[in-house]
Amino acid sequence: MTLRSLGYLRHLALGLAVAAAALLALPAVAQPCFIFVHGKQTNTNTYTSYSAARNYWVSGSRDFIQTATRNYTASYYVVGYNGTRPYWESQSAGEVANEIVAATNGTADGGGHACAKTYAQGGTFWVIAHSMGGPVMDFILGNNDSSDPNYNYNGPYSTVASRISLAITLSGAHRGSEGADAVCFQSNPFCSFIAQFIQSCDDATYWLRSSDDVQVKTYSNAPARSVYLTGGYEAIFGASACLSGEDDGVVQYASIYACNGSATASYDNSNVCGNSSKQESSGFFNLDGAHENHDDIRNDSDRDTRRQIPDGIWTCSGSPCSPNTVVQSSMSSAQFVSILW
């Protein structure tokens, strides 16, 4: 993974508080078009309504897409799929794959927004995926080749893999969620009881459990494009008591950072798995951790501390910062994405 240093002026403009910490950028590319893939839903609104899919990224006056694209300096496309279905189905992974191909062809999304350059014109495309959007992208990118277990299963996966440059996941449920375990009565009695007041064990939730038999790693190979990982460590009272280690109130670190071994292992910012200990032998890379909960991280509503994690992207005095170092005191994940390009 070749990285280049970003200039400090951009960071100063964002009011960065930790002067000793610098950021390394992702591989140098032309200005990307951002393709946004939302997470799990309890209804089909984001599939049937563009405004619902777009508002997924908004909280009041804060807007992840506006911030990440630097006030729309970069072009973007918003995907809407059926977030009530399992990550691998035609209305989820299949729909996402078809829409990504449409975006790279220059087709506008439901709000009339289109990528500035098509793939044929040399356009560059980054996917930003939240929550269940993580395993959706894992399934697509891990089934793009004829040697993969579910090659082009229900969509043009190989075309997606050939056209996008990378994916960034925000609290991605790569190894499922212990919260889903509780909802589906596969946790301790207290957690399962509390979970019933939150949602039901629908099909999407069933396929987001932490059991290997439903996890995307069982049904795909290593991703064909790099998947970069960041997530939240702002616990939610009550819910986080049912999750192992650091978590964002919905997904535990073992899943957010696509760790191998147990999906319920207890990790924190100091010891979460590094790049050589992922659910696949290659393709997953750590970025950092943010003091945001599962909702905050997708809507730019909480500009708080960020910390280095093992193999993370931040440097201190020219060398990688030590894990758990506070590298920023007031930066949302939307702002973080905005300085990666």
Protein backbone atom coordinates (compact mmCIF):
# COMPACT_ATOMS: atom_id res chain seq x y z
CA MET A 1 0.00 0.00 0.00
CA THR A 2 1.76 3.15 -1.22
CA LEU A 3 0.92 6.23 0.82
CA ARG A 4 1.78 9.90 0.31
CA SER A 5 1.89 12.65 2.94
CA LEU A 6 -0.85 15.27 2.95
CA GLY A 7 0.08 18.94 3.49
CA TYR A 8 -0.59 20.50 6.88
CA LEU A 9 -2.57 23.47 5.55
CA ARG A 10 -5.64 21.37 4.88
CA HIS A 11 -5.52 20.04 8.42
CA LEU A 12 -5.11 23.49 9.92
CA ALA A 13 -8.17 24.62 8.03
CA LEU A 14 -10.15 21.95 9.86
CA GLY A 15 -8.85 23.16 13.21
CA LEU A 16 -6.83 20.08 14.07
CA ALA A 17 -5.84 20.01 17.70
CA VAL A 18 -2.96 17.56 17.82
CA ALA A 19 -0.13 19.31 16.01
CA ALA A 20 2.25 16.34 16.26
CA ALA A 21 -0.09 14.00 14.38
CA ALA A 22 -0.10 13.93 10.60
CA LEU A 23 -2.25 11.92 8.23
CA LEU A 24 -1.13 9.69 5.42
CA ALA A 25 -3.37 9.72 2.38
CA LEU A 26 -4.75 6.75 0.50
CA PRO A 27 -3.07 5.96 -2.83
CA ALA A 28 -2.87 9.13 -4.91
CA VAL A 29 -5.73 9.43 -7.38
CA ALA A 30 -7.60 12.06 -9.35
CA GLN A 31 -10.58 13.61 -7.60
CA PRO A 32 -12.94 10.70 -6.97
CA CYS A 33 -16.67 10.43 -7.42
CA PHE A 34 -18.13 9.16 -4.16
CA ILE A 35 -20.70 6.36 -4.20
CA PHE A 36 -22.59 6.08 -0.89
CA VAL A 37 -24.01 2.75 0.30
CA HIS A 38 -26.22 2.84 3.40
CA GLY A 39 -26.70 0.18 6.06
CA LYS A 40 -29.45 -2.07 7.34
CA GLN A 41 -33.02 -0.80 7.45
CA THR A 42 -36.22 -1.85 9.23
CA ASN A 43 -38.35 -0.91 6.19
CA THR A 44 -37.89 -0.60 2.43
CA ASN A 45 -37.93 3.21 2.29
CA THR A 46 -34.36 3.63 1.08
CA TYR A 47 -35.11 1.20 -1.74
CA THR A 48 -38.29 2.90 -2.89
CA SER A 49 -37.51 6.55 -2.06
CA TYR A 50 -34.44 8.50 -3.08
CA SER A 51 -35.06 11.10 -0.37
CA ALA A 52 -34.95 8.36 2.29
CA ALA A 53 -31.64 7.07 0.92
CA ARG A 54 -30.21 10.59 0.80
CA ASN A 55 -31.48 11.56 4.27
CA TYR A 56 -29.80 8.49 5.74
CA TRP A 57 -26.61 10.57 5.65
CA VAL A 58 -28.12 13.70 7.24
CA SER A 59 -28.81 14.86 10.81
CA GLY A 60 -30.35 18.32 11.11
CA SER A 61 -27.96 20.79 9.50
CA ARG A 62 -25.13 18.23 9.39
CA ASP A 63 -24.65 16.24 6.19
CA PHE A 64 -22.01 13.54 5.79
CA ILE A 65 -22.10 13.76 2.00
CA GLN A 66 -21.72 17.53 1.91
CA THR A 67 -18.79 17.39 4.32
CA ALA A 68 -17.03 14.39 2.76
CA THR A 69 -17.22 15.91 -0.73
CA ARG A 70 -15.96 19.29 0.58
CA ASN A 71 -19.23 21.08 -0.01
CA TYR A 72 -19.88 19.11 -3.20
CA THR A 73 -16.49 19.88 -4.76
CA ALA A 74 -16.41 16.20 -5.64
CA SER A 75 -19.33 14.56 -7.45
CA TYR A 76 -21.37 11.81 -5.85
CA TYR A 77 -24.06 9.18 -6.32
CA VAL A 78 -26.38 7.84 -3.59
CA VAL A 79 -27.31 4.15 -3.74
CA GLY A 80 -30.67 2.99 -2.43
CA TYR A 81 -31.17 -0.74 -1.87
CA ASN A 82 -33.47 -2.95 0.18
CA GLY A 83 -31.81 -2.91 3.59
CA THR A 84 -34.32 -5.37 5.02
CA ARG A 85 -32.92 -8.22 2.92
CA PRO A 86 -29.79 -10.32 3.58
CA TYR A 87 -26.57 -8.71 2.35
CA TRP A 88 -26.20 -11.26 -0.47
CA GLU A 89 -29.66 -11.03 -2.08
CA SER A 90 -30.61 -9.47 -5.42
CA GLN A 91 -32.28 -6.44 -3.83
CA SER A 92 -29.21 -5.80 -1.66
CA ALA A 93 -25.85 -6.84 -3.16
CA GLY A 94 -27.37 -7.27 -6.62
CA GLU A 95 -28.99 -3.84 -6.53
CA VAL A 96 -25.88 -2.16 -5.14
CA ALA A 97 -23.71 -3.72 -7.86
CA ASN A 98 -26.09 -2.59 -10.59
CA GLU A 99 -26.25 0.93 -9.22
CA ILE A 100 -22.47 1.21 -8.91
CA VAL A 101 -22.13 0.21 -12.56
CA ALA A 102 -24.81 2.76 -13.47
CA ALA A 103 -22.94 5.44 -11.52
CA THR A 104 -19.67 4.64 -13.29
CA ASN A 105 -21.53 4.87 -16.62
CA GLY A 106 -22.62 8.42 -15.78
CA THR A 107 -26.23 7.64 -14.91
CA ALA A 108 -27.73 10.03 -12.35
CA ASP A 109 -29.07 8.79 -9.01
CA GLY A 110 -32.68 9.42 -7.96
CA GLY A 111 -31.83 12.99 -7.00
CA GLY A 112 -30.23 13.83 -10.32
CA HIS A 113 -26.62 13.59 -9.08
CA ALA A 114 -24.09 11.96 -11.38
CA CYS A 115 -20.37 11.32 -11.36
CA ALA A 116 -18.43 14.06 -13.13
CA LYS A 117 -16.52 11.56 -15.26
CA THR A 118 -17.59 8.14 -16.42
CA TYR A 119 -15.36 5.11 -16.23
CA ALA A 120 -14.82 5.34 -20.00
CA GLN A 121 -13.68 8.95 -19.53
CA GLY A 122 -11.14 7.95 -16.88
CA GLY A 123 -13.25 8.63 -13.81
CA THR A 124 -12.18 7.46 -10.33
CA PHE A 125 -14.72 6.00 -7.91
CA TRP A 126 -14.66 5.52 -4.13
CA VAL A 127 -17.40 3.64 -2.30
CA ILE A 128 -18.35 4.83 1.21
CA ALA A 129 -20.33 2.13 3.01
CA HIS A 130 -21.93 2.17 6.47
CA SER A 131 -22.85 -0.78 8.69
CA MET A 132 -24.42 -3.58 6.56
CA GLY A 133 -23.00 -1.77 3.54
CA GLY A 134 -19.69 -3.32 4.64
CA PRO A 135 -20.64 -6.98 4.11
CA VAL A 136 -22.59 -5.99 0.99
CA MET A 137 -19.37 -4.64 -0.51
CA ASP A 138 -17.35 -7.60 0.83
CA PHE A 139 -19.72 -9.98 -0.96
CA ILE A 140 -19.52 -8.05 -4.23
CA LEU A 141 -15.74 -7.55 -4.19
CA GLY A 142 -15.08 -11.09 -2.95
CA ASN A 143 -17.12 -12.69 -5.73
CA ASN A 144 -15.79 -10.87 -8.77
CA ASP A 145 -13.66 -13.67 -10.21
CA SER A 146 -14.63 -17.03 -11.70
CA SER A 147 -12.61 -18.72 -8.95
CA ASP A 148 -14.74 -17.10 -6.21
CA PRO A 149 -17.51 -19.14 -4.54
CA ASN A 150 -20.39 -16.94 -5.73
CA TYR A 151 -19.02 -15.35 -8.88
CA ASN A 152 -21.33 -12.62 -10.23
CA TYR A 153 -24.05 -14.22 -8.11
CA ASN A 154 -26.88 -11.79 -8.87
CA GLY A 155 -25.19 -8.78 -10.41
CA PRO A 156 -22.18 -7.45 -12.32
CA TYR A 157 -19.70 -7.93 -9.48
CA SER A 158 -16.72 -8.29 -11.82
CA THR A 159 -17.55 -4.97 -13.47
CA VAL A 160 -17.79 -3.24 -10.09
CA ALA A 161 -14.39 -4.64 -9.08
CA SER A 162 -12.81 -3.46 -12.31
CA ARG A 163 -14.14 0.08 -11.97
CA ILE A 164 -13.94 1.24 -8.36
CA SER A 165 -10.63 2.18 -6.75
CA LEU A 166 -11.43 1.32 -3.14
CA ALA A 167 -14.09 1.15 -0.45
CA ILE A 168 -14.12 2.86 2.95
CA THR A 169 -16.38 1.29 5.54
CA LEU A 170 -17.83 3.16 8.51
CA SER A 171 -18.55 0.77 11.39
CA GLY A 172 -18.96 -2.02 8.88
CA ALA A 173 -20.52 -5.23 10.19
CA HIS A 174 -17.93 -7.38 8.44
CA ARG A 175 -18.12 -10.15 11.07
CA GLY A 176 -21.76 -9.58 12.03
CA SER A 177 -22.99 -8.06 15.28
CA GLU A 178 -23.51 -9.38 18.77
CA GLY A 179 -26.50 -7.05 18.77
CA ALA A 180 -28.02 -9.19 16.00
CA ASP A 181 -27.28 -12.25 18.13
CA ALA A 182 -29.36 -10.77 20.92
CA VAL A 183 -32.23 -9.80 18.63
CA CYS A 184 -32.30 -13.37 17.29
CA PHE A 185 -32.27 -14.92 20.82
CA GLN A 186 -28.67 -16.12 20.55
CA SER A 187 -27.28 -14.09 23.43
CA ASN A 188 -27.74 -14.18 27.18
CA PRO A 189 -31.35 -13.82 28.44
CA PHE A 190 -30.90 -10.21 29.58
CA CYS A 191 -29.50 -9.01 26.25
CA SER A 192 -32.07 -10.95 24.24
CA PHE A 193 -34.90 -9.52 26.36
CA ILE A 194 -33.73 -5.93 25.92
CA ALA A 195 -33.14 -6.42 22.18
CA GLN A 196 -36.79 -7.29 21.56
CA PHE A 197 -37.71 -3.69 22.33
CA ILE A 198 -35.36 -2.47 19.59
CA GLN A 199 -36.24 -4.58 16.54
CA SER A 200 -37.22 -8.04 15.35
CA CYS A 201 -35.05 -10.79 13.94
CA ASP A 202 -35.85 -10.07 10.29
CA ASP A 203 -33.96 -11.69 7.42
CA ALA A 204 -31.27 -8.99 7.22
CA THR A 205 -30.64 -9.21 10.98
CA TYR A 206 -30.49 -13.02 10.88
CA TRP A 207 -27.68 -12.78 8.31
CA LEU A 208 -25.82 -10.25 10.44
CA ARG A 209 -25.29 -12.55 13.42
CA SER A 210 -21.75 -13.29 14.58
CA SER A 211 -22.01 -16.98 13.70
CA ASP A 212 -19.66 -18.13 10.93
CA ASP A 213 -22.47 -19.88 9.05
CA VAL A 214 -24.00 -16.54 8.03
CA GLN A 215 -20.93 -14.34 7.71
CA VAL A 216 -19.76 -12.94 4.41
CA LYS A 217 -16.28 -14.43 4.82
CA THR A 218 -17.85 -17.87 4.45
CA TYR A 219 -19.36 -16.99 1.07
CA SER A 220 -16.66 -14.89 -0.57
CA ASN A 221 -12.92 -14.57 -1.03
CA ALA A 222 -10.56 -11.66 -0.38
CA PRO A 223 -11.88 -8.39 -1.83
CA ALA A 224 -10.60 -7.44 -5.28
CA ARG A 225 -10.19 -3.83 -4.18
CA SER A 226 -8.81 -2.51 -0.91
CA VAL A 227 -11.35 -2.04 1.86
CA TYR A 228 -10.31 0.61 4.40
CA LEU A 229 -11.74 0.36 7.90
CA THR A 230 -12.80 2.95 10.45
CA GLY A 231 -15.39 2.76 13.20
CA GLY A 232 -16.76 4.18 16.40
CA TYR A 233 -15.95 3.57 20.04
CA GLU A 234 -18.67 5.70 21.65
CA ALA A 235 -20.65 3.17 23.62
CA ILE A 236 -24.43 3.40 24.05
CA PHE A 237 -25.75 2.87 27.56
CA GLY A 238 -27.43 -0.54 27.87
CA ALA A 239 -26.78 -1.79 24.35
CA SER A 240 -22.99 -1.77 24.68
CA ALA A 241 -23.20 -4.01 27.75
CA CYS A 242 -24.10 -6.80 25.33
CA LEU A 243 -21.13 -6.20 23.02
CA SER A 244 -17.53 -7.34 23.53
CA GLY A 245 -14.70 -4.83 23.86
CA GLU A 246 -14.95 -1.39 22.26
CA ASP A 247 -18.07 -0.84 20.19
CA ASP A 248 -20.32 1.85 18.76
CA GLY A 249 -23.47 0.62 20.49
CA VAL A 250 -24.40 -1.71 17.61
CA VAL A 251 -21.25 -3.37 16.22
CA GLN A 252 -18.19 -4.59 18.13
CA TYR A 253 -14.58 -3.89 17.10
CA ALA A 254 -13.91 -7.49 16.03
CA SER A 255 -16.45 -6.94 13.29
CA ILE A 256 -15.80 -3.27 12.45
CA TYR A 257 -12.14 -4.11 11.79
CA ALA A 258 -12.81 -7.42 9.97
CA CYS A 259 -10.72 -9.44 12.44
CA ASN A 260 -10.00 -13.12 11.98
CA GLY A 261 -10.63 -15.60 14.77
CA SER A 262 -13.63 -15.06 17.01
CA ALA A 263 -16.19 -12.48 15.89
CA THR A 264 -16.90 -11.78 19.56
CA ALA A 265 -13.31 -11.20 20.68
CA SER A 266 -12.77 -8.26 23.02
CA TYR A 267 -10.64 -5.59 21.34
CA ASP A 268 -9.92 -1.93 21.96
CA ASN A 269 -7.93 0.84 20.25
CA SER A 270 -4.68 -0.56 21.64
CA ASN A 271 -4.97 -4.15 20.46
CA VAL A 272 -7.56 -4.48 17.68
CA CYS A 273 -6.31 -6.74 14.88
CA GLY A 274 -3.73 -5.33 12.48
CA ASN A 275 -3.68 -5.63 8.71
CA SER A 276 -2.16 -9.12 8.75
CA SER A 277 -4.90 -10.57 10.97
CA LYS A 278 -8.05 -9.95 8.97
CA GLN A 279 -10.98 -12.19 8.00
CA GLU A 280 -9.33 -12.64 4.59
CA SER A 281 -5.64 -13.01 3.75
CA SER A 282 -5.53 -9.66 1.98
CA GLY A 283 -7.55 -6.59 1.10
CA PHE A 284 -8.46 -5.06 4.50
CA PHE A 285 -6.59 -2.08 5.98
CA ASN A 286 -7.03 -0.16 9.25
CA LEU A 287 -7.57 3.60 9.27
CA ASP A 288 -8.43 4.78 12.80
CA GLY A 289 -11.08 4.82 15.53
CA ALA A 290 -13.55 7.62 16.27
CA HIS A 291 -15.50 8.60 19.37
CA GLU A 292 -18.79 8.30 17.49
CA ASN A 293 -21.69 5.91 17.92
CA HIS A 294 -23.27 3.89 15.13
CA ASP A 295 -25.54 6.71 13.97
CA ASP A 296 -23.10 9.59 14.52
CA ILE A 297 -20.55 8.09 12.18
CA ARG A 298 -22.91 8.24 9.20
CA ASN A 299 -24.38 11.72 9.58
CA ASP A 300 -21.55 14.07 10.64
CA SER A 301 -23.37 14.92 13.87
CA ASP A 302 -20.48 14.36 16.31
CA ARG A 303 -17.09 15.98 15.85
CA ASP A 304 -15.05 14.37 18.56
CA THR A 305 -11.74 12.64 19.29
CA ARG A 306 -10.04 10.20 16.94
CA ARG A 307 -7.45 7.63 18.00
CA GLN A 308 -4.74 5.65 16.30
CA ILE A 309 -5.18 1.87 16.11
CA PRO A 310 -2.62 -0.84 15.20
CA ASP A 311 -1.49 -0.35 11.58
CA GLY A 312 -3.54 2.86 11.50
CA ILE A 313 -3.05 5.76 9.13
CA TRP A 314 -1.78 8.47 11.51
CA THR A 315 1.89 9.36 12.04
CA CYS A 316 3.54 11.18 14.93
CA SER A 317 6.86 12.94 14.24
CA GLY A 318 7.27 10.95 11.04
CA SER A 319 6.56 7.49 12.47
CA PRO A 320 3.29 5.65 13.05
CA CYS A 321 1.58 6.92 16.19
CA SER A 322 1.31 4.46 19.04
CA PRO A 323 -2.05 2.68 19.18
CA ASN A 324 -4.65 4.53 21.28
CA THR A 325 -2.91 7.90 20.79
CA VAL A 326 -5.43 10.74 20.51
CA VAL A 327 -4.67 12.14 17.06
CA GLN A 328 -7.56 14.59 16.74
CA SER A 329 -9.77 16.26 19.32
CA SER A 330 -12.62 17.45 17.09
CA MET A 331 -13.12 15.62 13.81
CA SER A 332 -16.05 13.62 12.47
CA SER A 333 -15.68 10.67 10.11
CA ALA A 334 -17.14 12.82 7.34
CA GLN A 335 -14.34 15.35 7.89
CA PHE A 336 -11.86 12.49 8.03
CA VAL A 337 -12.99 11.21 4.63
CA SER A 338 -12.73 14.74 3.22
CA ILE A 339 -8.99 14.87 3.90
CA LEU A 340 -8.20 11.48 2.37
CA TRP A 341 -8.42 12.82 -1.19
